[in-house]
Amino acid sequence: MYKKARYNRSKIRSVETIEGEPIEWKIERIVSNKEPITDGAPSIFTERKDGVVSAYNIRTDRWEIAADAMDLVSKSKQAKREERAEARKAKKEAKVIEISKDKNSGTESTEGTSKAE
């Protein structure tokens, strides 16, 4: 008897694609309607005194930036974990139950007592 092949089904789904307008049509539309050019990349110009921003510098070590970001993420997760532990600890400390002798059932607490007393 042969083993049946098992295929893992991925949860990755395709993104919805939209067909864009060809550049020739866009130029023709803008020129004929005399529309202003509104789209484009954001300006990344910085003042000379500020120097080169690391986000736009091709020589920046991206690994250090990613490591710093992951440190922030791990610190926030650790803080949340400690917060839940403190809440759980406070909740356990708040549960103090006193057992008293019930007249109807005849039960009583035997904690801290001995039969010799």
C-alpha atoms as a PDB file:
ATOM      1  CA  MET A   1       0.000   0.000   0.000  1.00  0.00           C
ATOM      2  CA  TYR A   2       1.366   3.387  -0.997  1.00  0.00           C
ATOM      3  CA  LYS A   3       1.377   6.412   1.246  1.00  0.00           C
ATOM      4  CA  LYS A   4      -0.849   9.184   0.038  1.00  0.00           C
ATOM      5  CA  ALA A   5       1.010  12.416  -0.537  1.00  0.00           C
ATOM      6  CA  ARG A   6      -0.017  15.202   1.835  1.00  0.00           C
ATOM      7  CA  TYR A   7       0.244  18.712   0.523  1.00  0.00           C
ATOM      8  CA  ASN A   8       0.387  21.626   2.916  1.00  0.00           C
ATOM      9  CA  ARG A   9      -2.087  24.285   2.030  1.00  0.00           C
ATOM     10  CA  SER A  10      -0.727  27.744   2.516  1.00  0.00           C
ATOM     11  CA  LYS A  11      -2.739  30.585   3.965  1.00  0.00           C
ATOM     12  CA  ILE A  12      -0.957  33.020   1.691  1.00  0.00           C
ATOM     13  CA  ARG A  13      -3.362  34.605  -0.741  1.00  0.00           C
ATOM     14  CA  SER A  14      -2.713  36.705  -3.813  1.00  0.00           C
ATOM     15  CA  VAL A  15      -3.157  40.457  -3.636  1.00  0.00           C
ATOM     16  CA  GLU A  16      -5.856  42.096  -5.680  1.00  0.00           C
ATOM     17  CA  THR A  17      -4.314  43.455  -8.841  1.00  0.00           C
ATOM     18  CA  ILE A  18      -5.437  46.574 -10.653  1.00  0.00           C
ATOM     19  CA  GLU A  19      -4.407  47.334 -14.199  1.00  0.00           C
ATOM     20  CA  GLY A  20      -2.807  50.769 -14.404  1.00  0.00           C
ATOM     21  CA  GLU A  21      -3.096  53.455 -17.028  1.00  0.00           C
ATOM     22  CA  PRO A  22      -0.328  53.391 -19.657  1.00  0.00           C
ATOM     23  CA  ILE A  23       2.079  56.331 -19.437  1.00  0.00           C
ATOM     24  CA  GLU A  24       1.253  57.470 -22.977  1.00  0.00           C
ATOM     25  CA  TRP A  25      -2.443  57.788 -22.178  1.00  0.00           C
ATOM     26  CA  LYS A  26      -1.679  59.557 -18.927  1.00  0.00           C
ATOM     27  CA  ILE A  27       0.565  62.152 -20.628  1.00  0.00           C
ATOM     28  CA  GLU A  28      -2.035  62.688 -23.336  1.00  0.00           C
ATOM     29  CA  ARG A  29      -4.782  63.168 -20.716  1.00  0.00           C
ATOM     30  CA  ILE A  30      -2.708  65.617 -18.654  1.00  0.00           C
ATOM     31  CA  VAL A  31      -1.682  67.673 -21.706  1.00  0.00           C
ATOM     32  CA  SER A  32      -5.127  67.775 -23.282  1.00  0.00           C
ATOM     33  CA  ASN A  33      -6.998  68.592 -20.036  1.00  0.00           C
ATOM     34  CA  LYS A  34      -4.209  70.893 -18.778  1.00  0.00           C
ATOM     35  CA  GLU A  35      -4.205  69.080 -15.427  1.00  0.00           C
ATOM     36  CA  PRO A  36      -1.432  69.663 -12.899  1.00  0.00           C
ATOM     37  CA  ILE A  37       0.921  66.752 -12.247  1.00  0.00           C
ATOM     38  CA  THR A  38      -0.121  65.565  -8.806  1.00  0.00           C
ATOM     39  CA  ASP A  39       1.510  62.170  -8.432  1.00  0.00           C
ATOM     40  CA  GLY A  40       5.143  61.370  -7.924  1.00  0.00           C
ATOM     41  CA  ALA A  41       7.686  60.395  -5.323  1.00  0.00           C
ATOM     42  CA  PRO A  42       8.022  62.422  -2.125  1.00  0.00           C
ATOM     43  CA  SER A  43      10.911  64.830  -1.936  1.00  0.00           C
ATOM     44  CA  ILE A  44      13.781  63.462   0.145  1.00  0.00           C
ATOM     45  CA  PHE A  45      15.807  66.647   0.156  1.00  0.00           C
ATOM     46  CA  THR A  46      17.392  67.501   3.495  1.00  0.00           C
ATOM     47  CA  GLU A  47      19.245  70.600   4.569  1.00  0.00           C
ATOM     48  CA  ARG A  48      23.023  70.428   4.247  1.00  0.00           C
ATOM     49  CA  LYS A  49      23.449  71.183   7.949  1.00  0.00           C
ATOM     50  CA  ASP A  50      21.314  68.123   8.823  1.00  0.00           C
ATOM     51  CA  GLY A  51      23.536  65.837   6.804  1.00  0.00           C
ATOM     52  CA  VAL A  52      22.379  62.642   5.160  1.00  0.00           C
ATOM     53  CA  VAL A  53      19.374  61.029   6.817  1.00  0.00           C
ATOM     54  CA  SER A  54      20.068  57.343   7.479  1.00  0.00           C
ATOM     55  CA  ALA A  55      16.705  56.369   5.998  1.00  0.00           C
ATOM     56  CA  TYR A  56      17.800  57.688   2.593  1.00  0.00           C
ATOM     57  CA  ASN A  57      21.512  56.833   2.776  1.00  0.00           C
ATOM     58  CA  ILE A  58      22.414  53.825   0.639  1.00  0.00           C
ATOM     59  CA  ARG A  59      25.482  53.212   2.792  1.00  0.00           C
ATOM     60  CA  THR A  60      23.517  52.863   6.016  1.00  0.00           C
ATOM     61  CA  ASP A  61      23.805  49.536   7.744  1.00  0.00           C
ATOM     62  CA  ARG A  62      20.204  48.373   7.606  1.00  0.00           C
ATOM     63  CA  TRP A  63      20.976  45.486   9.938  1.00  0.00           C
ATOM     64  CA  GLU A  64      21.602  47.879  12.852  1.00  0.00           C
ATOM     65  CA  ILE A  65      18.348  49.714  12.179  1.00  0.00           C
ATOM     66  CA  ALA A  66      16.430  46.419  12.060  1.00  0.00           C
ATOM     67  CA  ALA A  67      18.159  45.178  15.238  1.00  0.00           C
ATOM     68  CA  ASP A  68      17.228  48.387  17.075  1.00  0.00           C
ATOM     69  CA  ALA A  69      13.626  48.053  15.928  1.00  0.00           C
ATOM     70  CA  MET A  70      13.492  44.423  17.058  1.00  0.00           C
ATOM     71  CA  ASP A  71      14.936  45.423  20.453  1.00  0.00           C
ATOM     72  CA  LEU A  72      12.071  47.885  20.866  1.00  0.00           C
ATOM     73  CA  VAL A  73       9.557  45.203  19.922  1.00  0.00           C
ATOM     74  CA  SER A  74      11.022  42.661  22.339  1.00  0.00           C
ATOM     75  CA  LYS A  75      11.111  45.231  25.160  1.00  0.00           C
ATOM     76  CA  SER A  76       7.440  46.075  24.614  1.00  0.00           C
ATOM     77  CA  LYS A  77       6.498  42.379  24.607  1.00  0.00           C
ATOM     78  CA  GLN A  78       8.499  41.821  27.800  1.00  0.00           C
ATOM     79  CA  ALA A  79       6.772  44.792  29.442  1.00  0.00           C
ATOM     80  CA  LYS A  80       3.351  43.405  28.511  1.00  0.00           C
ATOM     81  CA  ARG A  81       4.355  39.973  29.835  1.00  0.00           C
ATOM     82  CA  GLU A  82       5.499  41.474  33.158  1.00  0.00           C
ATOM     83  CA  GLU A  83       2.327  43.534  33.380  1.00  0.00           C
ATOM     84  CA  ARG A  84       0.185  40.411  32.989  1.00  0.00           C
ATOM     85  CA  ALA A  85       2.287  38.596  35.607  1.00  0.00           C
ATOM     86  CA  GLU A  86       1.811  41.459  38.076  1.00  0.00           C
ATOM     87  CA  ALA A  87      -1.933  41.483  37.414  1.00  0.00           C
ATOM     88  CA  ARG A  88      -2.099  37.718  37.924  1.00  0.00           C
ATOM     89  CA  LYS A  89      -0.071  38.005  41.139  1.00  0.00           C
ATOM     90  CA  ALA A  90      -2.314  40.774  42.458  1.00  0.00           C
ATOM     91  CA  LYS A  91      -5.373  38.710  41.594  1.00  0.00           C
ATOM     92  CA  LYS A  92      -4.025  35.685  43.520  1.00  0.00           C
ATOM     93  CA  GLU A  93      -3.185  37.830  46.557  1.00  0.00           C
ATOM     94  CA  ALA A  94      -6.686  39.250  46.572  1.00  0.00           C
ATOM     95  CA  LYS A  95      -8.277  35.806  46.974  1.00  0.00           C
ATOM     96  CA  VAL A  96      -8.303  35.210  50.720  1.00  0.00           C
ATOM     97  CA  ILE A  97     -11.013  32.856  51.863  1.00  0.00           C
ATOM     98  CA  GLU A  98     -11.936  32.304  55.476  1.00  0.00           C
ATOM     99  CA  ILE A  99     -13.658  29.068  56.363  1.00  0.00           C
ATOM    100  CA  SER A 100     -15.934  29.276  59.341  1.00  0.00           C
ATOM    101  CA  LYS A 101     -17.922  26.564  61.046  1.00  0.00           C
ATOM    102  CA  ASP A 102     -21.264  26.091  59.396  1.00  0.00           C
ATOM    103  CA  LYS A 103     -24.019  25.363  61.889  1.00  0.00           C
ATOM    104  CA  ASN A 104     -26.091  23.397  59.395  1.00  0.00           C
ATOM    105  CA  SER A 105     -23.472  21.091  57.889  1.00  0.00           C
ATOM    106  CA  GLY A 106     -21.277  20.517  60.918  1.00  0.00           C
ATOM    107  CA  THR A 107     -18.050  21.175  58.974  1.00  0.00           C
ATOM    108  CA  GLU A 108     -15.184  23.086  60.438  1.00  0.00           C
ATOM    109  CA  SER A 109     -11.706  24.075  59.423  1.00  0.00           C
ATOM    110  CA  THR A 110      -8.949  21.744  60.582  1.00  0.00           C
ATOM    111  CA  GLU A 111      -6.105  23.952  59.394  1.00  0.00           C
ATOM    112  CA  GLY A 112      -3.662  24.839  62.180  1.00  0.00           C
ATOM    113  CA  THR A 113      -5.356  22.661  64.772  1.00  0.00           C
ATOM    114  CA  SER A 114      -4.441  19.316  66.163  1.00  0.00           C
ATOM    115  CA  LYS A 115      -6.465  16.671  67.953  1.00  0.00           C
ATOM    116  CA  ALA A 116      -4.291  17.004  71.069  1.00  0.00           C
ATOM    117  CA  GLU A 117      -5.588  20.495  71.876  1.00  0.00           C
END
